[in-house]
């Protein structure tokens, strides 16, 4: 089994998971949870949510949520471990909820 290099960039991660659908800003549902707005942004025209977290040895990492082909994609940090506080978990929940609403369109 190949391991994923820790230095993988966002562009490489996108390439790894396949083409990503660009979401028009007008198609994004109104933010019902302000925690999602704190982590939501557009990168190269793609709507992504980045939730800060830590790994098992307390290094700063993030979990990324995006929409691809009407499915929600969850990209974990290198090493596949994410430690989230209650607040970070709330942000992730809000981001997943908002992404799920986009897939219903």
C-alpha atoms as a PDB file:
ATOM      1  CA  UNK A   1       0.000   0.000   0.000  1.00  0.00           C
ATOM      2  CA  UNK A   2       1.400   3.401  -1.002  1.00  0.00           C
ATOM      3  CA  UNK A   3       1.527   6.064   1.657  1.00  0.00           C
ATOM      4  CA  UNK A   4       0.447   9.621   0.961  1.00  0.00           C
ATOM      5  CA  UNK A   5       3.358  12.055   1.314  1.00  0.00           C
ATOM      6  CA  UNK A   6       2.877  14.524   4.143  1.00  0.00           C
ATOM      7  CA  UNK A   7       3.712  17.409   1.814  1.00  0.00           C
ATOM      8  CA  UNK A   8       0.869  16.728  -0.638  1.00  0.00           C
ATOM      9  CA  UNK A   9      -0.576  20.026  -1.807  1.00  0.00           C
ATOM     10  CA  UNK A  10      -4.221  20.902  -2.256  1.00  0.00           C
ATOM     11  CA  UNK A  11      -3.763  20.767  -6.025  1.00  0.00           C
ATOM     12  CA  UNK A  12      -2.265  17.297  -5.775  1.00  0.00           C
ATOM     13  CA  UNK A  13      -5.094  16.167  -3.515  1.00  0.00           C
ATOM     14  CA  UNK A  14      -7.618  17.480  -6.038  1.00  0.00           C
ATOM     15  CA  UNK A  15      -5.852  15.616  -8.819  1.00  0.00           C
ATOM     16  CA  UNK A  16      -5.820  12.464  -6.734  1.00  0.00           C
ATOM     17  CA  UNK A  17      -9.586  12.480  -6.154  1.00  0.00           C
ATOM     18  CA  UNK A  18     -10.520  13.507  -9.685  1.00  0.00           C
ATOM     19  CA  UNK A  19     -12.192  16.508 -11.261  1.00  0.00           C
ATOM     20  CA  UNK A  20     -14.006  18.884  -8.964  1.00  0.00           C
ATOM     21  CA  UNK A  21     -17.230  20.673  -9.829  1.00  0.00           C
ATOM     22  CA  UNK A  22     -17.098  24.435  -9.501  1.00  0.00           C
ATOM     23  CA  UNK A  23     -20.036  25.804  -7.542  1.00  0.00           C
ATOM     24  CA  UNK A  24     -21.422  29.206  -8.463  1.00  0.00           C
ATOM     25  CA  UNK A  25     -21.520  31.558  -5.505  1.00  0.00           C
ATOM     26  CA  UNK A  26     -25.230  32.099  -6.097  1.00  0.00           C
ATOM     27  CA  UNK A  27     -25.813  28.341  -5.739  1.00  0.00           C
ATOM     28  CA  UNK A  28     -24.384  28.260  -2.235  1.00  0.00           C
ATOM     29  CA  UNK A  29     -27.148  28.087   0.365  1.00  0.00           C
ATOM     30  CA  UNK A  30     -27.446  30.813   2.939  1.00  0.00           C
ATOM     31  CA  UNK A  31     -25.283  30.049   5.926  1.00  0.00           C
ATOM     32  CA  UNK A  32     -27.515  28.713   8.644  1.00  0.00           C
ATOM     33  CA  UNK A  33     -24.639  28.073  11.017  1.00  0.00           C
ATOM     34  CA  UNK A  34     -22.054  30.838  11.412  1.00  0.00           C
ATOM     35  CA  UNK A  35     -19.393  28.207  12.134  1.00  0.00           C
ATOM     36  CA  UNK A  36     -19.528  27.127   8.475  1.00  0.00           C
ATOM     37  CA  UNK A  37     -18.941  30.695   7.308  1.00  0.00           C
ATOM     38  CA  UNK A  38     -15.739  30.849   9.356  1.00  0.00           C
ATOM     39  CA  UNK A  39     -14.206  27.973   7.414  1.00  0.00           C
ATOM     40  CA  UNK A  40     -15.800  28.427   3.963  1.00  0.00           C
ATOM     41  CA  UNK A  41     -13.935  30.056   1.098  1.00  0.00           C
ATOM     42  CA  UNK A  42     -13.412  29.860  -2.638  1.00  0.00           C
ATOM     43  CA  UNK A  43     -10.094  28.543  -3.906  1.00  0.00           C
ATOM     44  CA  UNK A  44      -9.580  28.734  -7.680  1.00  0.00           C
ATOM     45  CA  UNK A  45     -13.342  29.063  -8.115  1.00  0.00           C
ATOM     46  CA  UNK A  46     -14.016  25.947  -6.013  1.00  0.00           C
ATOM     47  CA  UNK A  47     -15.966  26.222  -2.774  1.00  0.00           C
ATOM     48  CA  UNK A  48     -14.094  24.484   0.041  1.00  0.00           C
ATOM     49  CA  UNK A  49     -14.413  24.330   3.791  1.00  0.00           C
ATOM     50  CA  UNK A  50     -11.239  23.968   5.850  1.00  0.00           C
ATOM     51  CA  UNK A  51     -11.628  23.030   9.494  1.00  0.00           C
ATOM     52  CA  UNK A  52      -8.535  23.391  11.656  1.00  0.00           C
ATOM     53  CA  UNK A  53      -7.624  20.373  13.765  1.00  0.00           C
ATOM     54  CA  UNK A  54      -4.590  18.649  15.208  1.00  0.00           C
ATOM     55  CA  UNK A  55      -2.965  15.278  14.745  1.00  0.00           C
ATOM     56  CA  UNK A  56      -1.929  12.730  17.345  1.00  0.00           C
ATOM     57  CA  UNK A  57       1.250  14.623  18.213  1.00  0.00           C
ATOM     58  CA  UNK A  58      -0.459  18.032  18.354  1.00  0.00           C
ATOM     59  CA  UNK A  59       0.687  19.420  15.014  1.00  0.00           C
ATOM     60  CA  UNK A  60      -1.744  21.832  13.344  1.00  0.00           C
ATOM     61  CA  UNK A  61      -3.667  20.193  10.498  1.00  0.00           C
ATOM     62  CA  UNK A  62      -6.988  20.671   8.741  1.00  0.00           C
ATOM     63  CA  UNK A  63      -9.872  18.628   7.397  1.00  0.00           C
ATOM     64  CA  UNK A  64     -11.152  19.769   4.010  1.00  0.00           C
ATOM     65  CA  UNK A  65     -14.733  19.406   2.762  1.00  0.00           C
ATOM     66  CA  UNK A  66     -15.712  19.959  -0.872  1.00  0.00           C
ATOM     67  CA  UNK A  67     -18.354  18.903  -3.386  1.00  0.00           C
ATOM     68  CA  UNK A  68     -17.401  16.703  -6.329  1.00  0.00           C
ATOM     69  CA  UNK A  69     -19.874  15.212  -8.810  1.00  0.00           C
ATOM     70  CA  UNK A  70     -22.808  15.808  -6.452  1.00  0.00           C
ATOM     71  CA  UNK A  71     -21.021  14.038  -3.611  1.00  0.00           C
ATOM     72  CA  UNK A  72     -19.402  15.434  -0.488  1.00  0.00           C
ATOM     73  CA  UNK A  73     -15.657  14.769  -0.321  1.00  0.00           C
ATOM     74  CA  UNK A  74     -13.896  14.751   3.034  1.00  0.00           C
ATOM     75  CA  UNK A  75     -10.100  15.062   2.830  1.00  0.00           C
ATOM     76  CA  UNK A  76      -8.292  14.296   6.059  1.00  0.00           C
ATOM     77  CA  UNK A  77      -4.886  15.544   7.082  1.00  0.00           C
ATOM     78  CA  UNK A  78      -1.712  13.648   6.186  1.00  0.00           C
ATOM     79  CA  UNK A  79      -1.425  10.545   8.329  1.00  0.00           C
ATOM     80  CA  UNK A  80      -5.224  10.089   8.325  1.00  0.00           C
ATOM     81  CA  UNK A  81      -5.661  11.266  11.910  1.00  0.00           C
ATOM     82  CA  UNK A  82      -7.622  14.347  12.933  1.00  0.00           C
ATOM     83  CA  UNK A  83      -8.183  15.422  16.534  1.00  0.00           C
ATOM     84  CA  UNK A  84     -11.004  17.922  16.853  1.00  0.00           C
ATOM     85  CA  UNK A  85     -12.161  19.978  19.791  1.00  0.00           C
ATOM     86  CA  UNK A  86     -15.886  20.381  20.398  1.00  0.00           C
ATOM     87  CA  UNK A  87     -15.769  23.725  18.570  1.00  0.00           C
ATOM     88  CA  UNK A  88     -13.898  22.279  15.614  1.00  0.00           C
ATOM     89  CA  UNK A  89     -16.344  19.396  15.480  1.00  0.00           C
ATOM     90  CA  UNK A  90     -19.195  21.920  15.318  1.00  0.00           C
ATOM     91  CA  UNK A  91     -17.434  23.638  12.394  1.00  0.00           C
ATOM     92  CA  UNK A  92     -17.018  20.311  10.606  1.00  0.00           C
ATOM     93  CA  UNK A  93     -20.661  19.409  11.214  1.00  0.00           C
ATOM     94  CA  UNK A  94     -21.780  22.781   9.822  1.00  0.00           C
ATOM     95  CA  UNK A  95     -19.498  22.447   6.773  1.00  0.00           C
ATOM     96  CA  UNK A  96     -20.742  18.919   6.013  1.00  0.00           C
ATOM     97  CA  UNK A  97     -24.339  20.047   6.403  1.00  0.00           C
ATOM     98  CA  UNK A  98     -23.843  22.976   4.016  1.00  0.00           C
ATOM     99  CA  UNK A  99     -21.995  20.793   1.479  1.00  0.00           C
ATOM    100  CA  UNK A 100     -24.758  18.186   1.668  1.00  0.00           C
ATOM    101  CA  UNK A 101     -27.340  20.855   0.809  1.00  0.00           C
ATOM    102  CA  UNK A 102     -25.348  21.685  -2.339  1.00  0.00           C
ATOM    103  CA  UNK A 103     -25.504  18.068  -3.489  1.00  0.00           C
ATOM    104  CA  UNK A 104     -29.288  18.075  -3.259  1.00  0.00           C
ATOM    105  CA  UNK A 105     -29.585  20.648  -6.054  1.00  0.00           C
END
